[in-house]
Amino acid sequence: MSRTLTEEDIRLLEKLAPECTSLTCAKSAAEYRSILAPVANHFAKDAEDFESRLLRLTDEEFSRIIAMIRSGEESIGCLPVECAEILISETMKRGDMNAANELYALYEMGGGCG
């Protein structure tokens, strides 16, 4: 899954990681192609920090990210296990058990980084 981030994607990335000053990964010099992977792998200090960042999202913003994962636009394959568990847990807390089950299955299937 390779895509170019839209203006809305960039807005969400900046909300989750306000310290993000460039859309290029400092380590690989590649442009970010997703929202959650850079947050989990480059900006969040740990899983607890990742969770606090997810809590910044409104229900509508969170649902948009979940919809993008479900459609294949957003990948969760690169998330550390702890961050994937938090994402799934937050999806359950926000009342979408079907999506949480689907995210779990998608993460278990792998799919690699996107």
PDB file of N, CA and C in Angstrom:
ATOM      1  N   MET A   1       0.851  -1.167   0.000  1.00  0.00           N
ATOM      2  CA  MET A   1       0.000   0.000   0.000  1.00  0.00           C
ATOM      3  C   MET A   1       0.899   1.232   0.000  1.00  0.00           C
ATOM      4  N   SER A   2       0.953   1.892  -1.103  1.00  0.00           N
ATOM      5  CA  SER A   2       1.726   3.122  -1.197  1.00  0.00           C
ATOM      6  C   SER A   2       0.807   4.223  -1.695  1.00  0.00           C
ATOM      7  N   ARG A   3       0.823   5.324  -1.007  1.00  0.00           N
ATOM      8  CA  ARG A   3      -0.044   6.423  -1.398  1.00  0.00           C
ATOM      9  C   ARG A   3       0.614   7.736  -1.050  1.00  0.00           C
ATOM     10  N   THR A   4       0.073   8.777  -1.597  1.00  0.00           N
ATOM     11  CA  THR A   4       0.499  10.122  -1.250  1.00  0.00           C
ATOM     12  C   THR A   4      -0.502  10.661  -0.240  1.00  0.00           C
ATOM     13  N   LEU A   5      -0.018  11.213   0.842  1.00  0.00           N
ATOM     14  CA  LEU A   5      -0.905  11.740   1.872  1.00  0.00           C
ATOM     15  C   LEU A   5      -1.699  12.926   1.341  1.00  0.00           C
ATOM     16  N   THR A   6      -2.981  12.941   1.665  1.00  0.00           N
ATOM     17  CA  THR A   6      -3.844  14.062   1.292  1.00  0.00           C
ATOM     18  C   THR A   6      -3.686  15.178   2.319  1.00  0.00           C
ATOM     19  N   GLU A   7      -4.268  16.321   2.036  1.00  0.00           N
ATOM     20  CA  GLU A   7      -4.228  17.427   3.004  1.00  0.00           C
ATOM     21  C   GLU A   7      -4.868  17.019   4.324  1.00  0.00           C
ATOM     22  N   GLU A   8      -5.971  16.260   4.261  1.00  0.00           N
ATOM     23  CA  GLU A   8      -6.633  15.783   5.482  1.00  0.00           C
ATOM     24  C   GLU A   8      -5.731  14.807   6.232  1.00  0.00           C
ATOM     25  N   ASP A   9      -5.043  13.917   5.518  1.00  0.00           N
ATOM     26  CA  ASP A   9      -4.101  12.988   6.152  1.00  0.00           C
ATOM     27  C   ASP A   9      -3.009  13.759   6.884  1.00  0.00           C
ATOM     28  N   ILE A  10      -2.484  14.775   6.232  1.00  0.00           N
ATOM     29  CA  ILE A  10      -1.413  15.577   6.818  1.00  0.00           C
ATOM     30  C   ILE A  10      -1.913  16.301   8.068  1.00  0.00           C
ATOM     31  N   ARG A  11      -3.146  16.800   8.006  1.00  0.00           N
ATOM     32  CA  ARG A  11      -3.728  17.463   9.169  1.00  0.00           C
ATOM     33  C   ARG A  11      -3.830  16.486  10.349  1.00  0.00           C
ATOM     34  N   LEU A  12      -4.260  15.259  10.071  1.00  0.00           N
ATOM     35  CA  LEU A  12      -4.356  14.255  11.131  1.00  0.00           C
ATOM     36  C   LEU A  12      -2.973  13.879  11.664  1.00  0.00           C
ATOM     37  N   LEU A  13      -2.012  13.721  10.776  1.00  0.00           N
ATOM     38  CA  LEU A  13      -0.644  13.416  11.200  1.00  0.00           C
ATOM     39  C   LEU A  13      -0.107  14.518  12.099  1.00  0.00           C
ATOM     40  N   GLU A  14      -0.333  15.755  11.722  1.00  0.00           N
ATOM     41  CA  GLU A  14       0.143  16.886  12.527  1.00  0.00           C
ATOM     42  C   GLU A  14      -0.589  16.977  13.866  1.00  0.00           C
ATOM     43  N   LYS A  15      -1.850  16.565  13.919  1.00  0.00           N
ATOM     44  CA  LYS A  15      -2.584  16.555  15.188  1.00  0.00           C
ATOM     45  C   LYS A  15      -2.026  15.482  16.113  1.00  0.00           C
ATOM     46  N   LEU A  16      -1.703  14.333  15.537  1.00  0.00           N
ATOM     47  CA  LEU A  16      -1.156  13.235  16.330  1.00  0.00           C
ATOM     48  C   LEU A  16       0.308  13.461  16.709  1.00  0.00           C
ATOM     49  N   ALA A  17       1.027  14.178  15.866  1.00  0.00           N
ATOM     50  CA  ALA A  17       2.460  14.426  16.097  1.00  0.00           C
ATOM     51  C   ALA A  17       2.782  15.875  15.744  1.00  0.00           C
ATOM     52  N   PRO A  18       2.406  16.810  16.622  1.00  0.00           N
ATOM     53  CA  PRO A  18       2.648  18.228  16.314  1.00  0.00           C
ATOM     54  C   PRO A  18       4.124  18.555  16.095  1.00  0.00           C
ATOM     55  N   GLU A  19       4.999  17.719  16.612  1.00  0.00           N
ATOM     56  CA  GLU A  19       6.427  17.944  16.430  1.00  0.00           C
ATOM     57  C   GLU A  19       6.904  17.545  15.037  1.00  0.00           C
ATOM     58  N   CYS A  20       6.039  16.948  14.248  1.00  0.00           N
ATOM     59  CA  CYS A  20       6.376  16.552  12.878  1.00  0.00           C
ATOM     60  C   CYS A  20       6.538  17.815  12.028  1.00  0.00           C
ATOM     61  N   THR A  21       7.735  18.063  11.597  1.00  0.00           N
ATOM     62  CA  THR A  21       8.009  19.272  10.813  1.00  0.00           C
ATOM     63  C   THR A  21       8.289  18.972   9.349  1.00  0.00           C
ATOM     64  N   SER A  22       8.359  17.684   9.025  1.00  0.00           N
ATOM     65  CA  SER A  22       8.638  17.286   7.650  1.00  0.00           C
ATOM     66  C   SER A  22       7.879  16.003   7.358  1.00  0.00           C
ATOM     67  N   LEU A  23       7.465  15.846   6.130  1.00  0.00           N
ATOM     68  CA  LEU A  23       6.771  14.624   5.733  1.00  0.00           C
ATOM     69  C   LEU A  23       7.741  13.575   5.209  1.00  0.00           C
ATOM     70  N   THR A  24       9.022  13.786   5.486  1.00  0.00           N
ATOM     71  CA  THR A  24      10.070  12.864   5.075  1.00  0.00           C
ATOM     72  C   THR A  24      10.694  12.231   6.303  1.00  0.00           C
ATOM     73  N   CYS A  25      10.809  10.924   6.286  1.00  0.00           N
ATOM     74  CA  CYS A  25      11.425  10.191   7.387  1.00  0.00           C
ATOM     75  C   CYS A  25      12.909  10.539   7.465  1.00  0.00           C
ATOM     76  N   ALA A  26      13.348  10.961   8.625  1.00  0.00           N
ATOM     77  CA  ALA A  26      14.751  11.342   8.801  1.00  0.00           C
ATOM     78  C   ALA A  26      15.691  10.148   8.613  1.00  0.00           C
ATOM     79  N   LYS A  27      15.233   8.950   8.972  1.00  0.00           N
ATOM     80  CA  LYS A  27      16.086   7.764   8.886  1.00  0.00           C
ATOM     81  C   LYS A  27      16.235   7.241   7.456  1.00  0.00           C
ATOM     82  N   SER A  28      15.120   7.192   6.722  1.00  0.00           N
ATOM     83  CA  SER A  28      15.168   6.577   5.391  1.00  0.00           C
ATOM     84  C   SER A  28      15.140   7.587   4.248  1.00  0.00           C
ATOM     85  N   ALA A  29      14.840   8.839   4.557  1.00  0.00           N
ATOM     86  CA  ALA A  29      14.693   9.904   3.561  1.00  0.00           C
ATOM     87  C   ALA A  29      13.521   9.661   2.607  1.00  0.00           C
ATOM     88  N   ALA A  30      12.634   8.740   2.980  1.00  0.00           N
ATOM     89  CA  ALA A  30      11.440   8.469   2.176  1.00  0.00           C
ATOM     90  C   ALA A  30      10.270   9.283   2.729  1.00  0.00           C
ATOM     91  N   GLU A  31       9.358   9.645   1.848  1.00  0.00           N
ATOM     92  CA  GLU A  31       8.178  10.380   2.286  1.00  0.00           C
ATOM     93  C   GLU A  31       7.247   9.441   3.045  1.00  0.00           C
ATOM     94  N   TYR A  32       6.579   9.997   4.064  1.00  0.00           N
ATOM     95  CA  TYR A  32       5.587   9.211   4.786  1.00  0.00           C
ATOM     96  C   TYR A  32       4.446   8.872   3.848  1.00  0.00           C
ATOM     97  N   ARG A  33       3.972   7.631   3.929  1.00  0.00           N
ATOM     98  CA  ARG A  33       2.874   7.143   3.087  1.00  0.00           C
ATOM     99  C   ARG A  33       1.676   6.711   3.924  1.00  0.00           C
ATOM    100  N   SER A  34       1.766   6.941   5.233  1.00  0.00           N
ATOM    101  CA  SER A  34       0.676   6.594   6.128  1.00  0.00           C
ATOM    102  C   SER A  34       0.694   7.541   7.318  1.00  0.00           C
ATOM    103  N   ILE A  35      -0.306   7.410   8.157  1.00  0.00           N
ATOM    104  CA  ILE A  35      -0.447   8.295   9.310  1.00  0.00           C
ATOM    105  C   ILE A  35       0.048   7.616  10.585  1.00  0.00           C
ATOM    106  N   LEU A  36      -0.462   6.431  10.872  1.00  0.00           N
ATOM    107  CA  LEU A  36      -0.188   5.789  12.158  1.00  0.00           C
ATOM    108  C   LEU A  36       1.235   5.270  12.313  1.00  0.00           C
ATOM    109  N   ALA A  37       1.813   4.716  11.251  1.00  0.00           N
ATOM    110  CA  ALA A  37       3.164   4.153  11.364  1.00  0.00           C
ATOM    111  C   ALA A  37       4.198   5.200  11.772  1.00  0.00           C
ATOM    112  N   PRO A  38       4.222   6.382  11.154  1.00  0.00           N
ATOM    113  CA  PRO A  38       5.196   7.377  11.611  1.00  0.00           C
ATOM    114  C   PRO A  38       4.956   7.818  13.052  1.00  0.00           C
ATOM    115  N   VAL A  39       3.688   7.933  13.423  1.00  0.00           N
ATOM    116  CA  VAL A  39       3.390   8.343  14.799  1.00  0.00           C
ATOM    117  C   VAL A  39       3.922   7.299  15.772  1.00  0.00           C
ATOM    118  N   ALA A  40       3.618   6.030  15.520  1.00  0.00           N
ATOM    119  CA  ALA A  40       4.037   4.952  16.425  1.00  0.00           C
ATOM    120  C   ALA A  40       5.542   4.735  16.436  1.00  0.00           C
ATOM    121  N   ASN A  41       6.158   4.824  15.257  1.00  0.00           N
ATOM    122  CA  ASN A  41       7.566   4.445  15.138  1.00  0.00           C
ATOM    123  C   ASN A  41       8.568   5.585  15.249  1.00  0.00           C
ATOM    124  N   HIS A  42       8.123   6.816  15.041  1.00  0.00           N
ATOM    125  CA  HIS A  42       9.076   7.927  15.036  1.00  0.00           C
ATOM    126  C   HIS A  42       8.782   9.011  16.070  1.00  0.00           C
ATOM    127  N   PHE A  43       7.513   9.162  16.459  1.00  0.00           N
ATOM    128  CA  PHE A  43       7.171  10.281  17.330  1.00  0.00           C
ATOM    129  C   PHE A  43       6.745   9.862  18.732  1.00  0.00           C
ATOM    130  N   ALA A  44       5.972   8.815  18.868  1.00  0.00           N
ATOM    131  CA  ALA A  44       5.545   8.359  20.195  1.00  0.00           C
ATOM    132  C   ALA A  44       6.743   7.773  20.933  1.00  0.00           C
ATOM    133  N   LYS A  45       6.884   8.152  22.199  1.00  0.00           N
ATOM    134  CA  LYS A  45       8.007   7.656  23.003  1.00  0.00           C
ATOM    135  C   LYS A  45       7.824   6.191  23.370  1.00  0.00           C
ATOM    136  N   ASP A  46       6.559   5.803  23.546  1.00  0.00           N
ATOM    137  CA  ASP A  46       6.235   4.438  23.923  1.00  0.00           C
ATOM    138  C   ASP A  46       4.743   4.211  23.651  1.00  0.00           C
ATOM    139  N   ALA A  47       4.259   3.043  24.007  1.00  0.00           N
ATOM    140  CA  ALA A  47       2.857   2.713  23.737  1.00  0.00           C
ATOM    141  C   ALA A  47       1.900   3.642  24.477  1.00  0.00           C
ATOM    142  N   GLU A  48       2.240   4.012  25.689  1.00  0.00           N
ATOM    143  CA  GLU A  48       1.394   4.933  26.463  1.00  0.00           C
ATOM    144  C   GLU A  48       1.302   6.290  25.769  1.00  0.00           C
ATOM    145  N   ASP A  49       2.407   6.753  25.241  1.00  0.00           N
ATOM    146  CA  ASP A  49       2.418   8.019  24.503  1.00  0.00           C
ATOM    147  C   ASP A  49       1.582   7.892  23.225  1.00  0.00           C
ATOM    148  N   PHE A  50       1.688   6.747  22.548  1.00  0.00           N
ATOM    149  CA  PHE A  50       0.877   6.507  21.354  1.00  0.00           C
ATOM    150  C   PHE A  50      -0.605   6.592  21.712  1.00  0.00           C
ATOM    151  N   GLU A  51      -0.975   5.988  22.822  1.00  0.00           N
ATOM    152  CA  GLU A  51      -2.369   6.024  23.261  1.00  0.00           C
ATOM    153  C   GLU A  51      -2.825   7.458  23.526  1.00  0.00           C
ATOM    154  N   SER A  52      -1.999   8.236  24.203  1.00  0.00           N
ATOM    155  CA  SER A  52      -2.382   9.622  24.491  1.00  0.00           C
ATOM    156  C   SER A  52      -2.551  10.430  23.211  1.00  0.00           C
ATOM    157  N   ARG A  53      -1.782  10.088  22.207  1.00  0.00           N
ATOM    158  CA  ARG A  53      -1.912  10.775  20.921  1.00  0.00           C
ATOM    159  C   ARG A  53      -3.224  10.397  20.234  1.00  0.00           C
ATOM    160  N   LEU A  54      -3.595   9.116  20.290  1.00  0.00           N
ATOM    161  CA  LEU A  54      -4.866   8.694  19.702  1.00  0.00           C
ATOM    162  C   LEU A  54      -6.047   9.393  20.375  1.00  0.00           C
ATOM    163  N   LEU A  55      -5.919   9.649  21.656  1.00  0.00           N
ATOM    164  CA  LEU A  55      -7.005  10.285  22.404  1.00  0.00           C
ATOM    165  C   LEU A  55      -7.208  11.745  21.990  1.00  0.00           C
ATOM    166  N   ARG A  56      -6.288  12.309  21.253  1.00  0.00           N
ATOM    167  CA  ARG A  56      -6.441  13.672  20.732  1.00  0.00           C
ATOM    168  C   ARG A  56      -7.479  13.737  19.615  1.00  0.00           C
ATOM    169  N   LEU A  57      -7.740  12.601  19.002  1.00  0.00           N
ATOM    170  CA  LEU A  57      -8.635  12.568  17.851  1.00  0.00           C
ATOM    171  C   LEU A  57     -10.094  12.610  18.285  1.00  0.00           C
ATOM    172  N   THR A  58     -10.880  13.343  17.544  1.00  0.00           N
ATOM    173  CA  THR A  58     -12.323  13.301  17.756  1.00  0.00           C
ATOM    174  C   THR A  58     -12.822  11.934  17.285  1.00  0.00           C
ATOM    175  N   ASP A  59     -14.053  11.605  17.642  1.00  0.00           N
ATOM    176  CA  ASP A  59     -14.626  10.343  17.170  1.00  0.00           C
ATOM    177  C   ASP A  59     -14.657  10.305  15.649  1.00  0.00           C
ATOM    178  N   GLU A  60     -14.971  11.424  15.032  1.00  0.00           N
ATOM    179  CA  GLU A  60     -15.028  11.483  13.569  1.00  0.00           C
ATOM    180  C   GLU A  60     -13.650  11.245  12.954  1.00  0.00           C
ATOM    181  N   GLU A  61     -12.623  11.871  13.497  1.00  0.00           N
ATOM    182  CA  GLU A  61     -11.263  11.701  12.982  1.00  0.00           C
ATOM    183  C   GLU A  61     -10.793  10.261  13.180  1.00  0.00           C
ATOM    184  N   PHE A  62     -11.080   9.722  14.372  1.00  0.00           N
ATOM    185  CA  PHE A  62     -10.686   8.339  14.663  1.00  0.00           C
ATOM    186  C   PHE A  62     -11.385   7.388  13.698  1.00  0.00           C
ATOM    187  N   SER A  63     -12.679   7.596  13.495  1.00  0.00           N
ATOM    188  CA  SER A  63     -13.442   6.747  12.575  1.00  0.00           C
ATOM    189  C   SER A  63     -12.903   6.837  11.158  1.00  0.00           C
ATOM    190  N   ARG A  64     -12.445   8.002  10.764  1.00  0.00           N
ATOM    191  CA  ARG A  64     -11.877   8.172   9.426  1.00  0.00           C
ATOM    192  C   ARG A  64     -10.622   7.314   9.270  1.00  0.00           C
ATOM    193  N   ILE A  65      -9.768   7.323  10.271  1.00  0.00           N
ATOM    194  CA  ILE A  65      -8.554   6.502  10.210  1.00  0.00           C
ATOM    195  C   ILE A  65      -8.915   5.017  10.172  1.00  0.00           C
ATOM    196  N   ILE A  66      -9.876   4.609  10.990  1.00  0.00           N
ATOM    197  CA  ILE A  66     -10.298   3.207  10.994  1.00  0.00           C
ATOM    198  C   ILE A  66     -10.855   2.824   9.623  1.00  0.00           C
ATOM    199  N   ALA A  67     -11.649   3.698   9.038  1.00  0.00           N
ATOM    200  CA  ALA A  67     -12.197   3.431   7.703  1.00  0.00           C
ATOM    201  C   ALA A  67     -11.082   3.287   6.675  1.00  0.00           C
ATOM    202  N   MET A  68     -10.038   4.104   6.788  1.00  0.00           N
ATOM    203  CA  MET A  68      -8.914   4.004   5.853  1.00  0.00           C
ATOM    204  C   MET A  68      -8.164   2.690   6.039  1.00  0.00           C
ATOM    205  N   ILE A  69      -8.052   2.223   7.268  1.00  0.00           N
ATOM    206  CA  ILE A  69      -7.408   0.923   7.511  1.00  0.00           C
ATOM    207  C   ILE A  69      -8.247  -0.175   6.877  1.00  0.00           C
ATOM    208  N   ARG A  70      -9.539  -0.114   7.110  1.00  0.00           N
ATOM    209  CA  ARG A  70     -10.440  -1.147   6.590  1.00  0.00           C
ATOM    210  C   ARG A  70     -10.452  -1.180   5.060  1.00  0.00           C
ATOM    211  N   SER A  71     -10.272  -0.024   4.425  1.00  0.00           N
ATOM    212  CA  SER A  71     -10.289   0.035   2.960  1.00  0.00           C
ATOM    213  C   SER A  71      -8.925  -0.266   2.348  1.00  0.00           C
ATOM    214  N   GLY A  72      -7.885  -0.334   3.185  1.00  0.00           N
ATOM    215  CA  GLY A  72      -6.547  -0.612   2.687  1.00  0.00           C
ATOM    216  C   GLY A  72      -5.726   0.629   2.386  1.00  0.00           C
ATOM    217  N   GLU A  73      -6.295   1.805   2.594  1.00  0.00           N
ATOM    218  CA  GLU A  73      -5.541   3.042   2.360  1.00  0.00           C
ATOM    219  C   GLU A  73      -4.479   3.271   3.427  1.00  0.00           C
ATOM    220  N   GLU A  74      -4.750   2.837   4.638  1.00  0.00           N
ATOM    221  CA  GLU A  74      -3.844   3.015   5.772  1.00  0.00           C
ATOM    222  C   GLU A  74      -3.428   1.632   6.253  1.00  0.00           C
ATOM    223  N   SER A  75      -2.143   1.463   6.514  1.00  0.00           N
ATOM    224  CA  SER A  75      -1.624   0.170   6.947  1.00  0.00           C
ATOM    225  C   SER A  75      -1.335   0.191   8.437  1.00  0.00           C
ATOM    226  N   ILE A  76      -1.565  -0.955   9.085  1.00  0.00           N
ATOM    227  CA  ILE A  76      -1.162  -1.086  10.485  1.00  0.00           C
ATOM    228  C   ILE A  76      -0.076  -2.144  10.643  1.00  0.00           C
ATOM    229  N   GLY A  77       0.389  -2.681   9.524  1.00  0.00           N
ATOM    230  CA  GLY A  77       1.391  -3.732   9.558  1.00  0.00           C
ATOM    231  C   GLY A  77       2.717  -3.336  10.183  1.00  0.00           C
ATOM    232  N   CYS A  78       3.031  -2.042  10.164  1.00  0.00           N
ATOM    233  CA  CYS A  78       4.303  -1.566  10.722  1.00  0.00           C
ATOM    234  C   CYS A  78       4.203  -1.146  12.180  1.00  0.00           C
ATOM    235  N   LEU A  79       3.016  -1.215  12.742  1.00  0.00           N
ATOM    236  CA  LEU A  79       2.873  -0.790  14.132  1.00  0.00           C
ATOM    237  C   LEU A  79       3.496  -1.810  15.069  1.00  0.00           C
ATOM    238  N   PRO A  80       4.203  -1.344  16.089  1.00  0.00           N
ATOM    239  CA  PRO A  80       4.648  -2.283  17.120  1.00  0.00           C
ATOM    240  C   PRO A  80       3.416  -2.950  17.748  1.00  0.00           C
ATOM    241  N   VAL A  81       3.577  -4.162  18.225  1.00  0.00           N
ATOM    242  CA  VAL A  81       2.462  -4.929  18.790  1.00  0.00           C
ATOM    243  C   VAL A  81       1.704  -4.117  19.836  1.00  0.00           C
ATOM    244  N   GLU A  82       2.437  -3.455  20.730  1.00  0.00           N
ATOM    245  CA  GLU A  82       1.789  -2.703  21.810  1.00  0.00           C
ATOM    246  C   GLU A  82       0.893  -1.596  21.251  1.00  0.00           C
ATOM    247  N   CYS A  83       1.341  -0.948  20.181  1.00  0.00           N
ATOM    248  CA  CYS A  83       0.563   0.136  19.577  1.00  0.00           C
ATOM    249  C   CYS A  83      -0.653  -0.412  18.842  1.00  0.00           C
ATOM    250  N   ALA A  84      -0.503  -1.552  18.187  1.00  0.00           N
ATOM    251  CA  ALA A  84      -1.649  -2.181  17.521  1.00  0.00           C
ATOM    252  C   ALA A  84      -2.695  -2.577  18.561  1.00  0.00           C
ATOM    253  N   GLU A  85      -2.255  -3.108  19.693  1.00  0.00           N
ATOM    254  CA  GLU A  85      -3.185  -3.485  20.762  1.00  0.00           C
ATOM    255  C   GLU A  85      -3.941  -2.261  21.277  1.00  0.00           C
ATOM    256  N   ILE A  86      -3.246  -1.154  21.418  1.00  0.00           N
ATOM    257  CA  ILE A  86      -3.886   0.081  21.883  1.00  0.00           C
ATOM    258  C   ILE A  86      -4.894   0.574  20.853  1.00  0.00           C
ATOM    259  N   LEU A  87      -4.541   0.529  19.591  1.00  0.00           N
ATOM    260  CA  LEU A  87      -5.460   0.951  18.532  1.00  0.00           C
ATOM    261  C   LEU A  87      -6.729   0.100  18.560  1.00  0.00           C
ATOM    262  N   ILE A  88      -6.567  -1.192  18.693  1.00  0.00           N
ATOM    263  CA  ILE A  88      -7.713  -2.102  18.729  1.00  0.00           C
ATOM    264  C   ILE A  88      -8.554  -1.839  19.976  1.00  0.00           C
ATOM    265  N   SER A  89      -7.891  -1.671  21.107  1.00  0.00           N
ATOM    266  CA  SER A  89      -8.596  -1.382  22.357  1.00  0.00           C
ATOM    267  C   SER A  89      -9.380  -0.075  22.270  1.00  0.00           C
ATOM    268  N   GLU A  90      -8.765   0.947  21.704  1.00  0.00           N
ATOM    269  CA  GLU A  90      -9.445   2.244  21.568  1.00  0.00           C
ATOM    270  C   GLU A  90     -10.629   2.127  20.613  1.00  0.00           C
ATOM    271  N   THR A  91     -10.501   1.293  19.600  1.00  0.00           N
ATOM    272  CA  THR A  91     -11.609   1.067  18.676  1.00  0.00           C
ATOM    273  C   THR A  91     -12.779   0.434  19.422  1.00  0.00           C
ATOM    274  N   MET A  92     -12.489  -0.520  20.306  1.00  0.00           N
ATOM    275  CA  MET A  92     -13.540  -1.137  21.125  1.00  0.00           C
ATOM    276  C   MET A  92     -14.170  -0.113  22.058  1.00  0.00           C
ATOM    277  N   LYS A  93     -13.333   0.692  22.718  1.00  0.00           N
ATOM    278  CA  LYS A  93     -13.842   1.707  23.646  1.00  0.00           C
ATOM    279  C   LYS A  93     -14.758   2.698  22.950  1.00  0.00           C
ATOM    280  N   ARG A  94     -14.454   2.967  21.699  1.00  0.00           N
ATOM    281  CA  ARG A  94     -15.274   3.925  20.954  1.00  0.00           C
ATOM    282  C   ARG A  94     -16.496   3.253  20.332  1.00  0.00           C
ATOM    283  N   GLY A  95     -16.689   1.976  20.680  1.00  0.00           N
ATOM    284  CA  GLY A  95     -17.936   1.304  20.376  1.00  0.00           C
ATOM    285  C   GLY A  95     -18.048   0.574  19.055  1.00  0.00           C
ATOM    286  N   ASP A  96     -16.932   0.290  18.406  1.00  0.00           N
ATOM    287  CA  ASP A  96     -17.031  -0.411  17.129  1.00  0.00           C
ATOM    288  C   ASP A  96     -16.333  -1.762  17.233  1.00  0.00           C
ATOM    289  N   MET A  97     -17.034  -2.717  17.821  1.00  0.00           N
ATOM    290  CA  MET A  97     -16.463  -4.045  18.038  1.00  0.00           C
ATOM    291  C   MET A  97     -16.162  -4.755  16.724  1.00  0.00           C
ATOM    292  N   ASN A  98     -17.017  -4.578  15.712  1.00  0.00           N
ATOM    293  CA  ASN A  98     -16.750  -5.200  14.405  1.00  0.00           C
ATOM    294  C   ASN A  98     -15.445  -4.696  13.819  1.00  0.00           C
ATOM    295  N   ALA A  99     -15.228  -3.382  13.883  1.00  0.00           N
ATOM    296  CA  ALA A  99     -13.976  -2.818  13.367  1.00  0.00           C
ATOM    297  C   ALA A  99     -12.797  -3.321  14.183  1.00  0.00           C
ATOM    298  N   ALA A 100     -12.948  -3.410  15.511  1.00  0.00           N
ATOM    299  CA  ALA A 100     -11.858  -3.895  16.359  1.00  0.00           C
ATOM    300  C   ALA A 100     -11.470  -5.314  15.972  1.00  0.00           C
ATOM    301  N   ASN A 101     -12.468  -6.167  15.751  1.00  0.00           N
ATOM    302  CA  ASN A 101     -12.187  -7.548  15.332  1.00  0.00           C
ATOM    303  C   ASN A 101     -11.498  -7.579  13.970  1.00  0.00           C
ATOM    304  N   GLU A 102     -11.941  -6.713  13.078  1.00  0.00           N
ATOM    305  CA  GLU A 102     -11.333  -6.652  11.746  1.00  0.00           C
ATOM    306  C   GLU A 102      -9.882  -6.165  11.826  1.00  0.00           C
ATOM    307  N   LEU A 103      -9.630  -5.157  12.669  1.00  0.00           N
ATOM    308  CA  LEU A 103      -8.258  -4.663  12.840  1.00  0.00           C
ATOM    309  C   LEU A 103      -7.361  -5.756  13.391  1.00  0.00           C
ATOM    310  N   TYR A 104      -7.869  -6.500  14.355  1.00  0.00           N
ATOM    311  CA  TYR A 104      -7.094  -7.601  14.926  1.00  0.00           C
ATOM    312  C   TYR A 104      -6.716  -8.608  13.841  1.00  0.00           C
ATOM    313  N   ALA A 105      -7.705  -8.982  13.032  1.00  0.00           N
ATOM    314  CA  ALA A 105      -7.443  -9.940  11.950  1.00  0.00           C
ATOM    315  C   ALA A 105      -6.445  -9.379  10.940  1.00  0.00           C
ATOM    316  N   LEU A 106      -6.603  -8.116  10.585  1.00  0.00           N
ATOM    317  CA  LEU A 106      -5.670  -7.488   9.631  1.00  0.00           C
ATOM    318  C   LEU A 106      -4.254  -7.463  10.191  1.00  0.00           C
ATOM    319  N   TYR A 107      -4.125  -7.144  11.459  1.00  0.00           N
ATOM    320  CA  TYR A 107      -2.790  -7.084  12.071  1.00  0.00           C
ATOM    321  C   TYR A 107      -2.176  -8.476  12.129  1.00  0.00           C
ATOM    322  N   GLU A 108      -2.975  -9.466  12.487  1.00  0.00           N
ATOM    323  CA  GLU A 108      -2.472 -10.837  12.561  1.00  0.00           C
ATOM    324  C   GLU A 108      -2.033 -11.370  11.208  1.00  0.00           C
ATOM    325  N   MET A 109      -2.722 -10.930  10.135  1.00  0.00           N
ATOM    326  CA  MET A 109      -2.365 -11.364   8.777  1.00  0.00           C
ATOM    327  C   MET A 109      -1.063 -10.725   8.318  1.00  0.00           C
ATOM    328  N   GLY A 110      -0.693  -9.623   8.939  1.00  0.00           N
ATOM    329  CA  GLY A 110       0.536  -8.939   8.545  1.00  0.00           C
ATOM    330  C   GLY A 110       0.254  -7.982   7.398  1.00  0.00           C
ATOM    331  N   GLY A 111       1.018  -8.069   6.381  1.00  0.00           N
ATOM    332  CA  GLY A 111       0.813  -7.184   5.247  1.00  0.00           C
ATOM    333  C   GLY A 111       1.949  -6.195   5.098  1.00  0.00           C
ATOM    334  N   GLY A 112       2.810  -6.172   6.085  1.00  0.00           N
ATOM    335  CA  GLY A 112       3.989  -5.313   5.964  1.00  0.00           C
ATOM    336  C   GLY A 112       3.699  -3.841   6.075  1.00  0.00           C
ATOM    337  N   CYS A 113       4.738  -3.089   5.897  1.00  0.00           N
ATOM    338  CA  CYS A 113       4.656  -1.633   6.020  1.00  0.00           C
ATOM    339  C   CYS A 113       4.128  -1.043   4.735  1.00  0.00           C
ATOM    340  N   GLY A 114       3.421   0.080   4.905  1.00  0.00           N
ATOM    341  CA  GLY A 114       2.849   0.703   3.730  1.00  0.00           C
ATOM    342  C   GLY A 114       3.175   2.115   3.551  1.00  0.00           C
TER     343      GLY A 114
END
